[in-house]
Amino acid sequence: MRSYQIYWIEEPFANHYYGRERMFFDLFSDWEASCGELNQIIAKQVDFITKPIPYLPTQRILQHELVKVEGSRWIDTTARIERNDSGATLLLNEKCMLIEAWGPHDCEYIFFEILRRNMGQLLAIDLKNERYGWLKPIKQRKFIY
């Protein structure tokens, strides 16, 4: 089973740290591994660099897009896609979205694609497997001198 946490990163931080996503991964990894006062300090840092996810607009986007996907349904705050050999659930929270997936990667990619098309600066992190990346990479301008 794969588990992803998806955070909406503030634009200045997303632009500044583009290409250095490992720093975000280290911050979120340290946050999960820490306890006590250190955990509170890191939580304040995470709050500072992330934006709350707008619940109702995100829910509407997901519900509208999932109508077109076979084997999908919406229950309370959870979207679910189930196929014969794979599946994924997306739990919508205020601070982050959680995706848990099993089997081949096709179901989680459906969620990633919906979010990529409709929202910006989303960073997906799989702490267990040390995987991370932007759902919609930032386009960098290339200047010719």
N, C-alpha and C. Protein backbone atom coordinates (compact mmCIF):
# COMPACT_ATOMS: atom_id res chain seq x y z
N MET A 1 0.84 -1.18 0.00
CA MET A 1 0.00 0.00 0.00
C MET A 1 0.88 1.25 0.00
N ARG A 2 0.48 2.21 -0.82
CA ARG A 2 1.19 3.48 -0.90
C ARG A 2 0.34 4.56 -0.24
N SER A 3 0.99 5.46 0.45
CA SER A 3 0.28 6.53 1.14
C SER A 3 0.95 7.87 0.81
N TYR A 4 0.16 8.81 0.32
CA TYR A 4 0.67 10.13 -0.06
C TYR A 4 -0.02 11.20 0.77
N GLN A 5 0.75 12.19 1.17
CA GLN A 5 0.21 13.39 1.77
C GLN A 5 0.40 14.49 0.74
N ILE A 6 -0.66 15.25 0.47
CA ILE A 6 -0.59 16.31 -0.52
C ILE A 6 -0.83 17.64 0.17
N TYR A 7 0.15 18.53 0.06
CA TYR A 7 0.09 19.84 0.70
C TYR A 7 0.07 20.93 -0.37
N TRP A 8 -0.65 22.01 -0.07
CA TRP A 8 -0.67 23.17 -0.94
C TRP A 8 0.37 24.14 -0.40
N ILE A 9 1.46 24.31 -1.13
CA ILE A 9 2.58 25.12 -0.70
C ILE A 9 2.36 26.57 -1.13
N GLU A 10 2.65 27.52 -0.23
CA GLU A 10 2.55 28.94 -0.55
C GLU A 10 3.42 29.25 -1.76
N GLU A 11 2.95 30.12 -2.63
CA GLU A 11 3.63 30.39 -3.89
C GLU A 11 5.08 30.86 -3.75
N PRO A 12 5.41 31.79 -2.83
CA PRO A 12 6.82 32.20 -2.74
C PRO A 12 7.75 31.04 -2.38
N PHE A 13 7.30 30.15 -1.53
CA PHE A 13 8.13 29.01 -1.14
C PHE A 13 8.22 27.99 -2.27
N ALA A 14 7.12 27.79 -2.98
CA ALA A 14 7.13 26.87 -4.11
C ALA A 14 8.09 27.35 -5.19
N ASN A 15 8.08 28.65 -5.46
CA ASN A 15 8.98 29.19 -6.48
C ASN A 15 10.43 29.14 -6.03
N HIS A 16 10.68 29.50 -4.79
CA HIS A 16 12.05 29.57 -4.29
C HIS A 16 12.70 28.18 -4.18
N TYR A 17 11.93 27.20 -3.73
CA TYR A 17 12.49 25.87 -3.50
C TYR A 17 12.23 24.90 -4.65
N TYR A 18 11.77 25.40 -5.79
CA TYR A 18 11.57 24.53 -6.95
C TYR A 18 12.91 23.93 -7.34
N GLY A 19 12.94 22.61 -7.50
CA GLY A 19 14.19 21.91 -7.80
C GLY A 19 14.90 21.42 -6.55
N ARG A 20 14.46 21.89 -5.40
CA ARG A 20 15.04 21.46 -4.12
C ARG A 20 13.94 20.87 -3.22
N GLU A 21 13.12 20.02 -3.83
CA GLU A 21 11.98 19.45 -3.12
C GLU A 21 12.41 18.57 -1.95
N ARG A 22 13.65 18.10 -2.00
CA ARG A 22 14.16 17.26 -0.91
C ARG A 22 14.09 18.00 0.43
N MET A 23 14.23 19.31 0.40
CA MET A 23 14.15 20.10 1.63
C MET A 23 12.74 20.03 2.23
N PHE A 24 11.73 20.08 1.36
CA PHE A 24 10.35 19.91 1.84
C PHE A 24 10.16 18.51 2.42
N PHE A 25 10.66 17.52 1.70
CA PHE A 25 10.53 16.15 2.17
C PHE A 25 11.18 15.99 3.55
N ASP A 26 12.38 16.54 3.71
CA ASP A 26 13.08 16.45 5.01
C ASP A 26 12.28 17.13 6.11
N LEU A 27 11.68 18.28 5.81
CA LEU A 27 10.89 18.99 6.81
C LEU A 27 9.69 18.16 7.25
N PHE A 28 8.94 17.61 6.29
CA PHE A 28 7.76 16.82 6.64
C PHE A 28 8.14 15.50 7.31
N SER A 29 9.25 14.93 6.91
CA SER A 29 9.74 13.71 7.54
C SER A 29 10.14 13.98 8.99
N ASP A 30 10.86 15.07 9.22
CA ASP A 30 11.24 15.44 10.58
C ASP A 30 10.03 15.74 11.44
N TRP A 31 9.03 16.36 10.83
CA TRP A 31 7.80 16.69 11.56
C TRP A 31 7.10 15.42 12.04
N GLU A 32 7.02 14.42 11.17
CA GLU A 32 6.37 13.17 11.56
C GLU A 32 7.18 12.39 12.59
N ALA A 33 8.51 12.46 12.51
CA ALA A 33 9.36 11.68 13.41
C ALA A 33 9.58 12.36 14.76
N SER A 34 9.34 13.65 14.85
CA SER A 34 9.64 14.38 16.09
C SER A 34 8.50 14.27 17.09
N CYS A 35 8.82 14.68 18.30
CA CYS A 35 7.80 14.72 19.35
C CYS A 35 8.12 15.88 20.30
N GLY A 36 7.14 16.24 21.10
CA GLY A 36 7.34 17.28 22.09
C GLY A 36 7.49 18.66 21.51
N GLU A 37 8.42 19.42 22.08
CA GLU A 37 8.61 20.81 21.68
C GLU A 37 9.11 20.94 20.24
N LEU A 38 9.99 20.04 19.83
CA LEU A 38 10.50 20.07 18.46
C LEU A 38 9.35 19.88 17.46
N ASN A 39 8.41 19.02 17.78
CA ASN A 39 7.26 18.80 16.90
C ASN A 39 6.44 20.07 16.77
N GLN A 40 6.26 20.80 17.85
CA GLN A 40 5.50 22.05 17.80
C GLN A 40 6.21 23.10 16.96
N ILE A 41 7.53 23.17 17.06
CA ILE A 41 8.31 24.13 16.27
C ILE A 41 8.20 23.81 14.79
N ILE A 42 8.36 22.53 14.44
CA ILE A 42 8.28 22.13 13.03
C ILE A 42 6.85 22.32 12.51
N ALA A 43 5.85 22.07 13.35
CA ALA A 43 4.45 22.28 12.95
C ALA A 43 4.21 23.75 12.60
N LYS A 44 4.81 24.67 13.32
CA LYS A 44 4.68 26.09 13.00
C LYS A 44 5.33 26.41 11.66
N GLN A 45 6.46 25.78 11.38
CA GLN A 45 7.12 25.97 10.09
C GLN A 45 6.25 25.44 8.96
N VAL A 46 5.66 24.26 9.17
CA VAL A 46 4.78 23.67 8.15
C VAL A 46 3.56 24.56 7.94
N ASP A 47 2.98 25.08 9.01
CA ASP A 47 1.84 25.99 8.88
C ASP A 47 2.21 27.24 8.09
N PHE A 48 3.44 27.71 8.25
CA PHE A 48 3.88 28.93 7.60
C PHE A 48 4.05 28.74 6.09
N ILE A 49 4.52 27.58 5.67
CA ILE A 49 4.80 27.37 4.24
C ILE A 49 3.63 26.76 3.47
N THR A 50 2.60 26.30 4.18
CA THR A 50 1.46 25.67 3.51
C THR A 50 0.22 26.55 3.61
N LYS A 51 -0.67 26.37 2.64
CA LYS A 51 -1.96 27.06 2.65
C LYS A 51 -3.03 26.04 2.99
N PRO A 52 -4.09 26.48 3.67
CA PRO A 52 -5.21 25.56 3.88
C PRO A 52 -5.86 25.22 2.54
N ILE A 53 -6.32 24.01 2.43
CA ILE A 53 -6.98 23.56 1.20
C ILE A 53 -8.44 23.98 1.28
N PRO A 54 -8.94 24.75 0.31
CA PRO A 54 -10.34 25.17 0.35
C PRO A 54 -11.25 23.95 0.19
N TYR A 55 -11.95 23.62 1.25
CA TYR A 55 -12.68 22.35 1.30
C TYR A 55 -13.79 22.26 0.25
N LEU A 56 -14.73 23.21 0.27
CA LEU A 56 -15.88 23.10 -0.63
C LEU A 56 -15.51 23.17 -2.11
N PRO A 57 -14.66 24.12 -2.54
CA PRO A 57 -14.29 24.10 -3.96
C PRO A 57 -13.56 22.82 -4.38
N THR A 58 -12.70 22.33 -3.51
CA THR A 58 -11.97 21.09 -3.83
C THR A 58 -12.94 19.91 -3.88
N GLN A 59 -13.89 19.87 -2.96
CA GLN A 59 -14.88 18.79 -2.96
C GLN A 59 -15.71 18.84 -4.24
N ARG A 60 -16.11 20.03 -4.65
CA ARG A 60 -16.90 20.16 -5.88
C ARG A 60 -16.11 19.70 -7.10
N ILE A 61 -14.84 20.10 -7.16
CA ILE A 61 -13.99 19.68 -8.29
C ILE A 61 -13.89 18.17 -8.34
N LEU A 62 -13.60 17.56 -7.20
CA LEU A 62 -13.45 16.10 -7.16
C LEU A 62 -14.75 15.40 -7.52
N GLN A 63 -15.86 15.86 -6.97
CA GLN A 63 -17.14 15.22 -7.27
C GLN A 63 -17.49 15.36 -8.75
N HIS A 64 -17.25 16.54 -9.31
CA HIS A 64 -17.55 16.77 -10.73
C HIS A 64 -16.69 15.88 -11.63
N GLU A 65 -15.41 15.77 -11.32
CA GLU A 65 -14.50 14.98 -12.15
C GLU A 65 -14.69 13.47 -11.96
N LEU A 66 -15.03 13.05 -10.74
CA LEU A 66 -15.16 11.62 -10.47
C LEU A 66 -16.42 11.01 -11.06
N VAL A 67 -17.38 11.84 -11.43
CA VAL A 67 -18.59 11.33 -12.08
C VAL A 67 -18.21 10.60 -13.38
N LYS A 68 -17.14 11.07 -14.03
CA LYS A 68 -16.71 10.51 -15.31
C LYS A 68 -15.88 9.24 -15.15
N VAL A 69 -15.47 8.91 -13.91
CA VAL A 69 -14.56 7.79 -13.67
C VAL A 69 -15.36 6.58 -13.23
N GLU A 70 -15.15 5.48 -13.93
CA GLU A 70 -15.84 4.23 -13.60
C GLU A 70 -15.30 3.66 -12.28
N GLY A 71 -16.18 3.23 -11.41
CA GLY A 71 -15.79 2.62 -10.14
C GLY A 71 -15.50 3.63 -9.04
N SER A 72 -15.94 4.88 -9.23
CA SER A 72 -15.66 5.90 -8.21
C SER A 72 -16.94 6.25 -7.46
N ARG A 73 -16.72 6.71 -6.22
CA ARG A 73 -17.84 7.19 -5.41
C ARG A 73 -17.31 8.13 -4.34
N TRP A 74 -18.23 8.93 -3.78
CA TRP A 74 -17.89 9.93 -2.78
C TRP A 74 -18.70 9.62 -1.52
N ILE A 75 -18.01 9.47 -0.38
CA ILE A 75 -18.68 9.21 0.89
C ILE A 75 -18.11 10.19 1.92
N ASP A 76 -18.95 11.09 2.42
CA ASP A 76 -18.56 12.13 3.40
C ASP A 76 -17.37 12.92 2.89
N THR A 77 -16.20 12.75 3.50
CA THR A 77 -15.00 13.50 3.10
C THR A 77 -14.03 12.63 2.31
N THR A 78 -14.48 11.47 1.85
CA THR A 78 -13.59 10.52 1.20
C THR A 78 -14.07 10.20 -0.21
N ALA A 79 -13.15 10.28 -1.15
CA ALA A 79 -13.40 9.84 -2.52
C ALA A 79 -12.72 8.49 -2.70
N ARG A 80 -13.37 7.58 -3.39
CA ARG A 80 -12.83 6.24 -3.57
C ARG A 80 -12.97 5.80 -5.01
N ILE A 81 -11.89 5.20 -5.52
CA ILE A 81 -11.92 4.58 -6.84
C ILE A 81 -11.50 3.13 -6.65
N GLU A 82 -12.33 2.21 -7.10
CA GLU A 82 -12.01 0.79 -6.99
C GLU A 82 -12.12 0.13 -8.35
N ARG A 83 -11.10 -0.64 -8.67
CA ARG A 83 -11.07 -1.43 -9.89
C ARG A 83 -10.88 -2.89 -9.49
N ASN A 84 -10.75 -3.78 -10.45
CA ASN A 84 -10.59 -5.20 -10.14
C ASN A 84 -9.35 -5.48 -9.30
N ASP A 85 -8.22 -4.93 -9.70
CA ASP A 85 -6.96 -5.25 -9.03
C ASP A 85 -6.30 -4.06 -8.34
N SER A 86 -6.95 -2.91 -8.34
CA SER A 86 -6.34 -1.73 -7.73
C SER A 86 -7.42 -0.81 -7.17
N GLY A 87 -6.97 0.17 -6.42
CA GLY A 87 -7.90 1.13 -5.86
C GLY A 87 -7.15 2.24 -5.15
N ALA A 88 -7.89 3.30 -4.84
CA ALA A 88 -7.31 4.43 -4.12
C ALA A 88 -8.42 5.18 -3.41
N THR A 89 -8.07 5.74 -2.27
CA THR A 89 -8.98 6.61 -1.54
C THR A 89 -8.30 7.94 -1.32
N LEU A 90 -9.08 9.01 -1.38
CA LEU A 90 -8.57 10.34 -1.12
C LEU A 90 -9.39 10.92 0.03
N LEU A 91 -8.72 11.26 1.11
CA LEU A 91 -9.36 11.87 2.27
C LEU A 91 -9.05 13.35 2.24
N LEU A 92 -10.07 14.17 2.23
CA LEU A 92 -9.92 15.62 2.13
C LEU A 92 -9.94 16.23 3.52
N ASN A 93 -8.84 16.88 3.89
CA ASN A 93 -8.72 17.58 5.17
C ASN A 93 -8.47 19.05 4.88
N GLU A 94 -8.47 19.86 5.94
CA GLU A 94 -8.20 21.29 5.77
C GLU A 94 -6.74 21.56 5.44
N LYS A 95 -5.83 20.83 6.06
CA LYS A 95 -4.40 21.12 5.90
C LYS A 95 -3.75 20.30 4.78
N CYS A 96 -4.22 19.08 4.57
CA CYS A 96 -3.64 18.25 3.52
C CYS A 96 -4.66 17.24 3.04
N MET A 97 -4.35 16.64 1.90
CA MET A 97 -5.15 15.55 1.38
C MET A 97 -4.33 14.28 1.53
N LEU A 98 -4.97 13.20 1.89
CA LEU A 98 -4.29 11.92 2.04
C LEU A 98 -4.81 10.96 0.97
N ILE A 99 -3.89 10.36 0.25
CA ILE A 99 -4.25 9.35 -0.75
C ILE A 99 -3.61 8.03 -0.33
N GLU A 100 -4.42 7.01 -0.22
CA GLU A 100 -3.92 5.65 0.01
C GLU A 100 -4.30 4.82 -1.19
N ALA A 101 -3.32 4.12 -1.73
CA ALA A 101 -3.54 3.36 -2.96
C ALA A 101 -2.95 1.97 -2.84
N TRP A 102 -3.55 1.02 -3.56
CA TRP A 102 -3.06 -0.35 -3.59
C TRP A 102 -3.17 -0.87 -5.02
N GLY A 103 -2.37 -1.85 -5.32
CA GLY A 103 -2.36 -2.42 -6.66
C GLY A 103 -1.58 -1.54 -7.63
N PRO A 104 -1.83 -1.70 -8.93
CA PRO A 104 -1.15 -0.84 -9.91
C PRO A 104 -1.46 0.64 -9.67
N HIS A 105 -0.68 1.50 -10.28
CA HIS A 105 -0.72 2.92 -9.99
C HIS A 105 -1.84 3.70 -10.69
N ASP A 106 -2.68 3.07 -11.48
CA ASP A 106 -3.63 3.82 -12.29
C ASP A 106 -4.65 4.62 -11.49
N CYS A 107 -5.14 4.11 -10.37
CA CYS A 107 -6.17 4.82 -9.60
C CYS A 107 -5.62 6.07 -8.93
N GLU A 108 -4.43 5.98 -8.36
CA GLU A 108 -3.86 7.18 -7.71
C GLU A 108 -3.53 8.24 -8.77
N TYR A 109 -3.14 7.81 -9.97
CA TYR A 109 -2.84 8.76 -11.03
C TYR A 109 -4.09 9.53 -11.47
N ILE A 110 -5.24 8.91 -11.36
CA ILE A 110 -6.50 9.61 -11.67
C ILE A 110 -6.67 10.78 -10.72
N PHE A 111 -6.47 10.54 -9.41
CA PHE A 111 -6.56 11.62 -8.43
C PHE A 111 -5.51 12.69 -8.70
N PHE A 112 -4.27 12.27 -8.97
CA PHE A 112 -3.20 13.22 -9.23
C PHE A 112 -3.53 14.10 -10.44
N GLU A 113 -4.07 13.49 -11.48
CA GLU A 113 -4.39 14.24 -12.70
C GLU A 113 -5.51 15.24 -12.46
N ILE A 114 -6.53 14.85 -11.71
CA ILE A 114 -7.63 15.77 -11.39
C ILE A 114 -7.10 16.97 -10.62
N LEU A 115 -6.28 16.71 -9.61
CA LEU A 115 -5.73 17.79 -8.80
C LEU A 115 -4.77 18.65 -9.61
N ARG A 116 -3.96 18.03 -10.45
CA ARG A 116 -2.99 18.77 -11.26
C ARG A 116 -3.69 19.75 -12.20
N ARG A 117 -4.77 19.32 -12.82
CA ARG A 117 -5.49 20.16 -13.77
C ARG A 117 -6.18 21.34 -13.09
N ASN A 118 -6.58 21.19 -11.84
CA ASN A 118 -7.44 22.18 -11.20
C ASN A 118 -6.81 23.00 -10.09
N MET A 119 -5.66 22.61 -9.60
CA MET A 119 -5.03 23.34 -8.49
C MET A 119 -3.53 23.45 -8.75
N GLY A 120 -2.92 24.47 -8.18
CA GLY A 120 -1.49 24.67 -8.38
C GLY A 120 -0.71 24.51 -7.08
N GLN A 121 0.59 24.41 -7.19
CA GLN A 121 1.54 24.31 -6.08
C GLN A 121 1.22 23.18 -5.10
N LEU A 122 0.80 22.05 -5.60
CA LEU A 122 0.53 20.90 -4.74
C LEU A 122 1.76 19.99 -4.74
N LEU A 123 2.21 19.65 -3.54
CA LEU A 123 3.37 18.78 -3.37
C LEU A 123 2.89 17.47 -2.76
N ALA A 124 3.17 16.36 -3.44
CA ALA A 124 2.81 15.03 -2.95
C ALA A 124 4.04 14.40 -2.31
N ILE A 125 3.85 13.83 -1.12
CA ILE A 125 4.95 13.23 -0.38
C ILE A 125 4.53 11.84 0.09
N ASP A 126 5.37 10.85 -0.23
CA ASP A 126 5.21 9.49 0.27
C ASP A 126 6.38 9.26 1.23
N LEU A 127 6.14 9.44 2.52
CA LEU A 127 7.22 9.37 3.50
C LEU A 127 7.81 7.98 3.62
N LYS A 128 6.97 6.96 3.54
CA LYS A 128 7.44 5.59 3.71
C LYS A 128 8.41 5.17 2.62
N ASN A 129 8.10 5.52 1.37
CA ASN A 129 8.93 5.12 0.23
C ASN A 129 9.88 6.22 -0.23
N GLU A 130 9.92 7.33 0.50
CA GLU A 130 10.78 8.47 0.19
C GLU A 130 10.59 8.95 -1.25
N ARG A 131 9.33 9.17 -1.61
CA ARG A 131 8.99 9.70 -2.93
C ARG A 131 8.27 11.03 -2.73
N TYR A 132 8.55 11.98 -3.59
CA TYR A 132 7.94 13.29 -3.46
C TYR A 132 8.05 14.02 -4.79
N GLY A 133 7.16 14.98 -4.99
CA GLY A 133 7.21 15.76 -6.22
C GLY A 133 5.98 16.64 -6.38
N TRP A 134 6.10 17.59 -7.29
CA TRP A 134 4.99 18.49 -7.59
C TRP A 134 3.99 17.78 -8.49
N LEU A 135 2.71 18.01 -8.25
CA LEU A 135 1.71 17.46 -9.15
C LEU A 135 1.68 18.26 -10.44
N LYS A 136 1.98 19.55 -10.34
CA LYS A 136 2.04 20.41 -11.52
C LYS A 136 3.34 21.19 -11.43
N PRO A 137 4.40 20.71 -12.08
CA PRO A 137 5.68 21.40 -11.99
C PRO A 137 5.59 22.84 -12.46
N ILE A 138 6.36 23.69 -11.82
CA ILE A 138 6.37 25.11 -12.12
C ILE A 138 7.19 25.32 -13.40
N LYS A 139 6.63 26.08 -14.32
CA LYS A 139 7.34 26.37 -15.56
C LYS A 139 8.37 27.45 -15.28
N GLN A 140 9.59 27.16 -15.61
CA GLN A 140 10.69 28.10 -15.41
C GLN A 140 10.95 28.84 -16.72
N ARG A 141 11.14 30.14 -16.63
CA ARG A 141 11.50 30.91 -17.81
C ARG A 141 12.99 30.74 -18.06
N LYS A 142 13.32 30.57 -19.32
CA LYS A 142 14.72 30.45 -19.70
C LYS A 142 15.09 31.69 -20.50
N PHE A 143 16.04 32.41 -19.98
CA PHE A 143 16.50 33.62 -20.65
C PHE A 143 17.77 33.32 -21.43
N ILE A 144 17.84 33.87 -22.62
CA ILE A 144 19.02 33.71 -23.45
C ILE A 144 19.79 35.03 -23.39
N TYR A 145 21.05 34.94 -23.02
CA TYR A 145 21.87 36.14 -22.90
C TYR A 145 22.78 36.29 -24.09
